[in-house]
Amino acid sequence: MKRHGFTLLETLLALMVFSMAVVALVEAVHQLGEHALLRRHEAAVQERMRSLLVEHTRLEDAPAKVTLQDGEVTYTVTHTPLELKNRDGLPVPGLFEVRVTAAWQEGRTPQQASAETWVYPPLFRQ
């Protein structure tokens, strides 16, 4: 006798294999979305750090340390005098390192990023 069609066992096995593939695909799409969201948040933090760095390099009498809270991210801006000497061995007065540090919580993992530059305020005076 010839069989025409599938048995119940074959159909259930095919459904199980198909459902496992769908679950794996959904999980991959979910992880991709979380990763994209994380990268977008990190890009926003980097942009804010860049703008704070530019802003604090233009200040005449900048405080030594400033702490800002922006949502869940804490930004710390520090101005540290640098002691460098020129070619003649004389100290260069008024040279500072400006550093912006961002700290936030990503889930249960603490995250931190920083950006820094040197600034010579007499260069911006007119």
Protein backbone atom coordinates (compact mmCIF):
# COMPACT_ATOMS: atom_id res chain seq x y z
CA MET A 1 0.00 0.00 0.00
CA LYS A 2 1.34 3.40 -1.00
CA ARG A 3 1.35 6.30 1.39
CA HIS A 4 0.09 9.70 0.24
CA GLY A 5 1.02 12.42 2.75
CA PHE A 6 2.84 12.80 6.05
CA THR A 7 2.24 11.12 9.35
CA LEU A 8 1.58 13.09 12.50
CA LEU A 9 5.07 12.33 13.83
CA GLU A 10 6.75 13.68 10.69
CA THR A 11 4.65 16.83 10.81
CA LEU A 12 5.47 17.46 14.50
CA LEU A 13 9.17 16.91 13.84
CA ALA A 14 9.13 19.40 10.96
CA LEU A 15 7.29 21.95 13.12
CA MET A 16 9.85 21.51 15.91
CA VAL A 17 12.79 22.09 13.55
CA PHE A 18 11.06 25.12 12.02
CA SER A 19 10.23 26.62 15.44
CA MET A 20 13.85 26.19 16.62
CA ALA A 21 15.04 28.08 13.55
CA VAL A 22 12.51 30.88 14.16
CA VAL A 23 13.53 31.19 17.84
CA ALA A 24 17.20 31.43 16.85
CA LEU A 25 16.39 34.11 14.25
CA VAL A 26 14.32 36.14 16.73
CA GLU A 27 17.13 35.97 19.29
CA ALA A 28 19.67 37.14 16.70
CA VAL A 29 17.47 40.11 15.70
CA HIS A 30 16.94 40.96 19.39
CA GLN A 31 20.69 40.98 20.08
CA LEU A 32 21.30 43.10 16.98
CA GLY A 33 18.76 45.66 18.22
CA GLU A 34 20.34 45.79 21.68
CA HIS A 35 23.79 46.23 20.15
CA ALA A 36 22.58 49.08 17.91
CA LEU A 37 20.96 50.79 20.90
CA LEU A 38 24.18 50.47 22.91
CA ARG A 39 26.26 51.94 20.06
CA ARG A 40 23.81 54.85 19.68
CA HIS A 41 24.10 55.62 23.40
CA GLU A 42 27.90 55.45 23.27
CA ALA A 43 27.94 57.78 20.25
CA ALA A 44 25.80 60.29 22.16
CA VAL A 45 28.20 60.12 25.13
CA GLN A 46 31.19 60.62 22.82
CA GLU A 47 29.55 63.64 21.17
CA ARG A 48 28.74 65.21 24.55
CA MET A 49 32.33 64.64 25.71
CA ARG A 50 33.63 66.29 22.54
CA SER A 51 31.39 69.33 23.03
CA LEU A 52 32.42 69.66 26.69
CA LEU A 53 36.07 69.41 25.68
CA VAL A 54 35.70 72.20 23.13
CA GLU A 55 33.69 74.33 25.54
CA HIS A 56 36.20 74.01 28.39
CA THR A 57 39.25 74.68 26.22
CA ARG A 58 37.79 78.10 25.38
CA LEU A 59 37.23 79.23 28.98
CA GLU A 60 39.60 81.91 30.28
CA ASP A 61 39.55 81.03 33.99
CA ALA A 62 38.33 77.46 34.04
CA PRO A 63 37.88 75.73 37.40
CA ALA A 64 40.20 72.82 38.19
CA LYS A 65 37.33 70.31 38.32
CA VAL A 66 33.70 70.40 37.18
CA THR A 67 31.18 67.57 37.56
CA LEU A 68 28.00 67.50 35.45
CA GLN A 69 25.10 65.08 35.58
CA ASP A 70 23.32 64.49 32.26
CA GLY A 71 20.62 61.88 32.74
CA GLU A 72 22.34 58.67 33.80
CA VAL A 73 25.81 59.83 32.69
CA THR A 74 28.20 61.72 34.97
CA TYR A 75 30.75 63.92 33.20
CA THR A 76 33.86 65.15 35.00
CA VAL A 77 35.99 67.90 33.42
CA THR A 78 39.46 68.51 34.88
CA HIS A 79 42.04 71.19 34.09
CA THR A 80 45.56 70.20 35.04
CA PRO A 81 48.55 72.49 34.53
CA LEU A 82 51.32 70.96 32.45
CA GLU A 83 54.94 71.56 33.23
CA LEU A 84 56.71 71.48 29.87
CA LYS A 85 59.87 73.21 28.80
CA ASN A 86 60.61 74.82 25.46
CA ARG A 87 63.77 74.26 23.40
CA ASP A 88 65.71 76.68 25.57
CA GLY A 89 64.81 74.73 28.70
CA LEU A 90 62.44 77.41 30.00
CA PRO A 91 59.02 76.41 31.35
CA VAL A 92 56.00 77.15 29.14
CA PRO A 93 53.52 79.00 31.38
CA GLY A 94 49.77 78.62 30.97
CA LEU A 95 49.70 75.19 29.31
CA PHE A 96 46.89 72.91 30.53
CA GLU A 97 45.59 69.42 29.95
CA VAL A 98 41.80 69.29 29.72
CA ARG A 99 40.25 65.87 30.31
CA VAL A 100 36.57 64.89 30.11
CA THR A 101 35.57 61.60 31.72
CA ALA A 102 32.12 60.05 31.36
CA ALA A 103 30.83 57.34 33.70
CA TRP A 104 27.52 55.48 33.42
CA GLN A 105 25.91 52.14 34.17
CA GLU A 106 25.09 49.80 31.26
CA GLY A 107 22.86 47.18 32.81
CA ARG A 108 24.93 46.00 35.77
CA THR A 109 28.24 46.87 34.16
CA PRO A 110 29.87 50.23 34.90
CA GLN A 111 31.13 51.96 31.75
CA GLN A 112 33.69 54.74 31.41
CA ALA A 113 35.09 56.79 28.54
CA SER A 114 37.43 59.77 28.39
CA ALA A 115 38.78 62.37 25.99
CA GLU A 116 41.63 64.80 26.52
CA THR A 117 43.52 67.59 24.87
CA TRP A 118 46.12 70.22 25.68
CA VAL A 119 45.23 73.88 25.60
CA TYR A 120 47.32 77.04 25.62
CA PRO A 121 44.91 79.88 26.57
CA PRO A 122 47.23 82.72 25.43
CA LEU A 123 46.78 81.37 21.92
CA PHE A 124 43.08 82.36 21.98
CA ARG A 125 43.56 85.88 23.34
CA GLN A 126 43.28 88.75 20.92
